[in-house]
Each structure stands twice: as structure tokens, then as C-alpha cells.
Amino acid sequence: MRSSSNPAFRNLSGRGGAGYAGFGNPQAGMPPQYGGGNTYQAPPSEADRPITVDDVVMKTAMTLGVALLTGIITAIMVLNGSISPYPPLIIGLLVGLVTSLIVIFRQTPNPALILTYSAAEGVFLGALTGVLESFKATQGIGLQALLGTGLVFGIMLVVYRTGAVKVTPKLTKWIIGAAGGAILLMMLNLVLSLFGVNMGIRGAGPLAIIFSLVVIGIAAFMLLLDFDQADQMIRQGMAAKWAWYAAFGLMTTLVWLYLEILRLLWALNER
């Protein structure tokens, strides 16, 4: 399995299942059949059978659904003044960070932790979106960012499925390098801003807009790596439970993509 810029997919190559089922042999993850054709066998559990595309789609839909639901509820509550935006911003950010680190370092597809991460990210993004929606100049920005994220996701899925862009080791290295460089620049900008130094990459200026477009492009290409890693899981015959991990990897990229599109829209509205 290729390495990925998404930390959720690293170090999974050694966790593959039995691979493809050979012709005339029992399917991967399925017990061999003995005796007559009338022998009853219980359907394989998720721990036994190999992962399928449907598994990845269903688990991804669940994680996105939880994030969307909690995000909409939080945004509405912030907008109507039911809650202050600061508690959900802080709690959502911290819980999302902690749960994501646990999932990544344990390398275990834990549905409860992954759904908790999705809910926390939904709360954080919902609170942030609610704050921006409260300003007249940026009303409707949440829906625009959501549609933009969905559009980029759909385009990159078509690009991947049609083979218009092949995920090669060389492309993977370029994307990892670009993502790492962008993150380092943002961290450097954050540190320098504490000392009153502004690099101009996080604001409403021309350089900030260009930087946001570049980061959105990087996040979009990271989706290709996520699709490829999920595909690799299926080809290697990993257990169905790893669909949760594939969904988590996609979720982390989509959160980043939504944030960057939200930032870009805010910058454009501020000009």
C-alpha cells in the first residue's frame, strides 16, 4: 500500500487480510464449506468478511451525516443566540483533536471514537459557520462552503474513477510534500503573528487568496490519495471493519477542505 499524506492511512500495509479469493477456493474471509449443500452456515461477521465498496460508502455517509447534523444544529443555536459560539468552538476543537490522535496512533477502526470525532468536528465547524453567518456581508457563506466542498469531492471522485489522474508513487510524494509545506507555512505564520509579524497568507489580501486557492488544490488532490487508499484496502481484502478507518481518513480531508473554502469565501467577501 502506498504511503499517504493523510495520517489516518499510514502504517496499514501490514494489516491486510487474505487478499483476493482464488477461483474455486473459498472467498477471502469466508470459512470453507464441507459436506452437502444443505449445511447451514451463519453469515460472516464484519470481523471475518473482506471490505467492500458498499462498506466504505455506508461508513463514510454515516460519519458525514453525524458531522452535518451536529454542525447544522450548532450553527442554528449560535445564530439565534441560544448559545455562545466560544464553548462549542473550544470543545469541538479539543475533542476532535484528541479523538483523531487516539484513532491515528492506535491504528484501530473504533466506530465510537470515529463518530465522536465527526460529531466534534461538526460542532466546531457549525459554531464557526454560525459566527460568520451572523455578519451581513457573509450571510449564506456556510451553504456556499458546503456546496463547494461537495462539488470538489464529486469532481475528484470522477477524476479518480475515470483514471484522468493516476495516483502514482511520484504523485503521492508531491502531494505529501505540498501538504507538509502548506502546514509548515501556516504554523510559521501563526507563530510570527504572535510577535506582530504578518506574512500575508492568512487574511483578505491577494496573497492570502492565492494561498487559499493553492491549499484547496492540495486538499482536493489529497482526496485522490484517500480514494486510492480505500481502494487498496478493498484490493488487499482487509476486514470490513476497516471501512470505518477509510471513512475517518476521508472525513479529515473533507474537514480541511471545508475550512479552506470557508476561509476563501470569507476573504473574497471582505474585499
Protein backbone atom coordinates (compact mmCIF):
# COMPACT_ATOMS: atom_id res chain seq x y z
CA MET A 1 0.00 0.00 0.00
CA ARG A 2 1.26 3.44 -0.91
CA SER A 3 2.03 5.93 1.83
CA SER A 4 -0.46 8.75 2.22
CA SER A 5 -0.30 12.36 3.32
CA ASN A 6 -3.36 11.64 5.42
CA PRO A 7 -2.04 10.27 8.76
CA ALA A 8 -5.16 8.15 9.13
CA PHE A 9 -3.94 5.83 6.38
CA ARG A 10 -0.33 5.35 7.41
CA ASN A 11 1.09 2.01 8.59
CA LEU A 12 -1.84 -0.03 7.31
CA SER A 13 0.06 -2.15 4.81
CA GLY A 14 0.72 -4.86 7.35
CA ARG A 15 -2.93 -5.20 8.35
CA GLY A 16 -4.25 -6.70 5.14
CA GLY A 17 -6.46 -9.72 5.03
CA ALA A 18 -6.15 -12.78 2.85
CA GLY A 19 -6.26 -10.79 -0.37
CA TYR A 20 -8.26 -11.90 -3.39
CA ALA A 21 -10.13 -15.16 -3.26
CA GLY A 22 -8.77 -17.62 -5.78
CA PHE A 23 -11.04 -19.21 -8.40
CA GLY A 24 -12.51 -22.39 -6.99
CA ASN A 25 -11.28 -21.58 -3.46
CA PRO A 26 -13.30 -20.24 -0.54
CA GLN A 27 -13.71 -16.47 -0.62
CA ALA A 28 -11.33 -14.41 1.46
CA GLY A 29 -12.64 -14.18 4.99
CA MET A 30 -15.20 -16.97 4.37
CA PRO A 31 -14.99 -20.39 6.03
CA PRO A 32 -14.63 -23.40 3.71
CA GLN A 33 -17.75 -25.45 3.02
CA TYR A 34 -17.86 -29.11 3.89
CA GLY A 35 -20.36 -31.81 3.26
CA GLY A 36 -23.63 -31.38 1.42
CA GLY A 37 -25.10 -28.24 0.00
CA ASN A 38 -27.81 -28.13 2.69
CA THR A 39 -25.36 -27.42 5.52
CA TYR A 40 -26.33 -24.11 7.17
CA GLN A 41 -23.63 -21.55 7.72
CA ALA A 42 -24.13 -18.30 9.57
CA PRO A 43 -23.33 -15.18 7.53
CA PRO A 44 -19.80 -13.89 8.13
CA SER A 45 -19.41 -11.15 10.71
CA GLU A 46 -17.83 -7.80 9.91
CA ALA A 47 -14.62 -9.05 11.51
CA ASP A 48 -14.48 -12.03 9.13
CA ARG A 49 -15.61 -10.87 5.70
CA PRO A 50 -13.48 -8.63 3.44
CA ILE A 51 -14.22 -4.94 3.00
CA THR A 52 -16.36 -3.83 0.04
CA VAL A 53 -17.09 -0.53 -1.69
CA ASP A 54 -20.54 -0.52 -0.07
CA ASP A 55 -18.91 -0.72 3.37
CA VAL A 56 -16.77 2.35 2.67
CA VAL A 57 -19.71 4.29 1.20
CA MET A 58 -22.02 3.46 4.13
CA LYS A 59 -19.48 4.28 6.84
CA THR A 60 -18.45 7.50 5.09
CA ALA A 61 -22.11 8.52 4.77
CA MET A 62 -22.61 7.88 8.48
CA THR A 63 -19.61 9.94 9.57
CA LEU A 64 -20.55 12.81 7.24
CA GLY A 65 -24.18 12.61 8.34
CA VAL A 66 -23.24 12.94 12.02
CA ALA A 67 -20.96 15.92 11.27
CA LEU A 68 -23.61 17.59 9.13
CA LEU A 69 -26.35 17.11 11.72
CA THR A 70 -24.33 18.42 14.66
CA GLY A 71 -22.97 21.24 12.51
CA ILE A 72 -26.41 22.46 11.42
CA ILE A 73 -27.81 22.28 14.95
CA THR A 74 -24.83 24.16 16.40
CA ALA A 75 -24.92 26.83 13.68
CA ILE A 76 -28.65 27.43 14.24
CA MET A 77 -28.19 27.70 18.01
CA VAL A 78 -25.32 30.18 17.58
CA LEU A 79 -27.31 32.26 15.10
CA ASN A 80 -30.45 32.51 17.24
CA GLY A 81 -28.41 33.34 20.35
CA SER A 82 -29.26 30.16 22.25
CA ILE A 83 -25.58 29.55 22.96
CA SER A 84 -22.34 31.49 22.82
CA PRO A 85 -20.10 30.34 19.97
CA TYR A 86 -16.99 30.06 22.15
CA PRO A 87 -17.79 26.89 24.18
CA PRO A 88 -18.67 24.78 21.08
CA LEU A 89 -15.66 26.19 19.22
CA ILE A 90 -13.25 25.25 22.02
CA ILE A 91 -14.88 21.95 23.00
CA GLY A 92 -15.36 20.83 19.39
CA LEU A 93 -11.77 21.66 18.50
CA LEU A 94 -10.26 19.91 21.55
CA VAL A 95 -12.47 16.80 21.40
CA GLY A 96 -11.89 16.50 17.67
CA LEU A 97 -8.14 16.82 18.11
CA VAL A 98 -7.93 14.29 20.96
CA THR A 99 -10.17 11.67 19.32
CA SER A 100 -8.38 12.00 15.98
CA LEU A 101 -4.99 11.49 17.63
CA ILE A 102 -6.27 8.43 19.51
CA VAL A 103 -7.64 6.90 16.29
CA ILE A 104 -4.45 7.67 14.35
CA PHE A 105 -1.96 6.41 16.93
CA ARG A 106 -3.96 3.34 17.97
CA GLN A 107 -4.45 2.42 14.31
CA THR A 108 -7.76 0.85 15.29
CA PRO A 109 -11.08 1.31 13.48
CA ASN A 110 -13.15 2.21 16.54
CA PRO A 111 -16.66 3.31 15.37
CA ALA A 112 -17.46 5.09 18.65
CA LEU A 113 -14.29 7.21 18.53
CA ILE A 114 -14.70 7.97 14.82
CA LEU A 115 -18.33 9.04 15.22
CA THR A 116 -17.33 11.13 18.26
CA TYR A 117 -14.68 12.80 16.11
CA SER A 118 -17.28 13.51 13.42
CA ALA A 119 -19.71 14.98 15.94
CA ALA A 120 -16.97 17.16 17.48
CA GLU A 121 -15.88 18.46 14.09
CA GLY A 122 -19.50 19.18 13.24
CA VAL A 123 -19.88 21.21 16.45
CA PHE A 124 -16.65 23.14 15.77
CA LEU A 125 -17.42 23.87 12.12
CA GLY A 126 -21.05 24.66 12.94
CA ALA A 127 -20.05 27.22 15.57
CA LEU A 128 -17.50 28.82 13.25
CA THR A 129 -20.01 28.93 10.40
CA GLY A 130 -22.64 30.40 12.72
CA VAL A 131 -20.29 33.24 13.68
CA LEU A 132 -19.57 34.07 10.04
CA GLU A 133 -23.25 33.79 9.09
CA SER A 134 -24.10 36.39 11.74
CA PHE A 135 -22.39 39.11 9.68
CA LYS A 136 -24.44 40.63 6.88
CA ALA A 137 -21.52 40.56 4.42
CA THR A 138 -21.03 36.81 4.83
CA GLN A 139 -24.62 35.56 5.09
CA GLY A 140 -25.02 32.32 3.16
CA ILE A 141 -21.31 31.52 3.42
CA GLY A 142 -21.97 28.19 5.14
CA LEU A 143 -24.16 26.84 2.34
CA GLN A 144 -21.69 28.10 -0.26
CA ALA A 145 -18.78 26.38 1.51
CA LEU A 146 -20.79 23.17 1.87
CA LEU A 147 -21.74 23.15 -1.82
CA GLY A 148 -18.17 23.97 -2.78
CA THR A 149 -16.85 21.08 -0.70
CA GLY A 150 -19.38 18.69 -2.22
CA LEU A 151 -18.53 19.90 -5.72
CA VAL A 152 -14.78 19.39 -5.21
CA PHE A 153 -15.42 15.94 -3.69
CA GLY A 154 -17.60 14.93 -6.64
CA ILE A 155 -15.13 16.22 -9.24
CA MET A 156 -12.17 14.45 -7.65
CA LEU A 157 -14.16 11.21 -7.35
CA VAL A 158 -14.93 11.36 -11.08
CA VAL A 159 -11.28 12.19 -11.81
CA TYR A 160 -10.19 9.17 -9.78
CA ARG A 161 -12.77 6.73 -11.15
CA THR A 162 -12.11 7.69 -14.77
CA GLY A 163 -8.35 7.47 -14.31
CA ALA A 164 -7.87 11.02 -15.59
CA VAL A 165 -5.19 11.39 -12.91
CA LYS A 166 -3.30 8.28 -11.88
CA VAL A 167 -2.22 8.00 -8.25
CA THR A 168 1.43 7.04 -8.63
CA PRO A 169 4.21 6.95 -6.01
CA LYS A 170 5.66 10.10 -7.59
CA LEU A 171 2.34 11.98 -7.41
CA THR A 172 1.88 10.79 -3.83
CA LYS A 173 5.27 12.22 -2.85
CA TRP A 174 4.46 15.55 -4.49
CA ILE A 175 1.12 15.83 -2.69
CA ILE A 176 2.64 14.85 0.66
CA GLY A 177 5.40 17.42 0.17
CA ALA A 178 2.94 20.14 -0.83
CA ALA A 179 0.63 19.40 2.12
CA GLY A 180 3.56 19.37 4.54
CA GLY A 181 4.89 22.63 3.15
CA ALA A 182 1.49 24.34 3.41
CA ILE A 183 1.04 23.19 7.01
CA LEU A 184 4.53 24.38 7.96
CA LEU A 185 3.83 27.78 6.39
CA MET A 186 0.57 28.10 8.34
CA MET A 187 2.33 27.15 11.58
CA LEU A 188 5.12 29.64 10.91
CA ASN A 189 2.56 32.34 10.15
CA LEU A 190 0.78 31.57 13.42
CA VAL A 191 3.99 31.81 15.44
CA LEU A 192 5.08 35.04 13.74
CA SER A 193 1.64 36.59 14.24
CA LEU A 194 2.16 36.25 18.00
CA PHE A 195 5.07 38.68 17.60
CA GLY A 196 3.15 41.07 15.36
CA VAL A 197 4.64 39.81 12.09
CA ASN A 198 2.15 39.22 9.27
CA MET A 199 3.22 37.04 6.34
CA GLY A 200 0.04 37.93 4.48
CA ILE A 201 -1.06 34.34 3.79
CA ARG A 202 -3.98 34.37 6.25
CA GLY A 203 -6.22 37.37 5.67
CA ALA A 204 -8.19 39.03 2.90
CA GLY A 205 -5.29 40.24 0.74
CA PRO A 206 -4.32 38.96 -2.72
CA LEU A 207 -1.55 36.72 -1.33
CA ALA A 208 -3.96 35.18 1.19
CA ILE A 209 -6.50 34.43 -1.56
CA ILE A 210 -3.84 32.83 -3.75
CA PHE A 211 -2.57 30.78 -0.81
CA SER A 212 -6.12 29.60 0.00
CA LEU A 213 -6.63 28.51 -3.62
CA VAL A 214 -3.36 26.56 -3.52
CA VAL A 215 -4.31 24.86 -0.24
CA ILE A 216 -7.75 23.97 -1.61
CA GLY A 217 -6.00 22.40 -4.60
CA ILE A 218 -3.73 20.39 -2.28
CA ALA A 219 -6.71 19.20 -0.21
CA ALA A 220 -8.51 18.21 -3.41
CA PHE A 221 -5.56 16.09 -4.53
CA MET A 222 -5.37 14.56 -1.06
CA LEU A 223 -8.86 13.21 -1.75
CA LEU A 224 -7.33 11.24 -4.63
CA LEU A 225 -4.91 9.65 -2.16
CA ASP A 226 -7.80 8.87 0.20
CA PHE A 227 -9.78 7.22 -2.61
CA ASP A 228 -6.71 5.22 -3.61
CA GLN A 229 -6.03 4.07 -0.05
CA ALA A 230 -9.65 2.91 0.34
CA ASP A 231 -9.27 1.08 -2.97
CA GLN A 232 -6.08 -0.55 -1.73
CA MET A 233 -7.90 -1.77 1.39
CA ILE A 234 -10.53 -3.42 -0.79
CA ARG A 235 -7.94 -4.98 -3.12
CA GLN A 236 -5.95 -6.36 -0.20
CA GLY A 237 -9.04 -7.96 1.28
CA MET A 238 -8.83 -6.19 4.63
CA ALA A 239 -11.60 -6.88 7.13
CA ALA A 240 -14.87 -4.97 6.69
CA LYS A 241 -14.36 -3.12 9.98
CA TRP A 242 -11.58 -1.10 8.32
CA ALA A 243 -14.24 0.74 6.32
CA TRP A 244 -14.56 2.93 9.42
CA TYR A 245 -10.91 3.87 9.09
CA ALA A 246 -11.31 4.70 5.40
CA ALA A 247 -14.29 6.90 6.32
CA PHE A 248 -12.22 8.62 9.02
CA GLY A 249 -9.45 9.38 6.53
CA LEU A 250 -11.90 10.92 4.08
CA MET A 251 -13.53 12.87 6.89
CA THR A 252 -10.27 14.51 7.98
CA THR A 253 -9.56 15.69 4.44
CA LEU A 254 -13.11 16.99 3.94
CA VAL A 255 -12.93 18.95 7.20
CA TRP A 256 -9.73 20.64 6.00
CA LEU A 257 -11.27 21.29 2.57
CA TYR A 258 -14.41 22.86 4.07
CA LEU A 259 -12.33 25.09 6.35
CA GLU A 260 -10.20 26.34 3.48
CA ILE A 261 -13.19 27.01 1.22
CA LEU A 262 -14.88 28.82 4.12
CA ARG A 263 -11.74 30.92 4.61
CA LEU A 264 -11.53 31.73 0.90
CA LEU A 265 -15.18 32.82 0.74
CA TRP A 266 -14.68 34.99 3.82
CA ALA A 267 -11.62 36.62 2.25
CA LEU A 268 -13.48 37.31 -1.00
CA ASN A 269 -16.40 38.86 0.90
CA GLU A 270 -14.06 41.07 2.92
CA ARG A 271 -12.57 42.72 -0.18
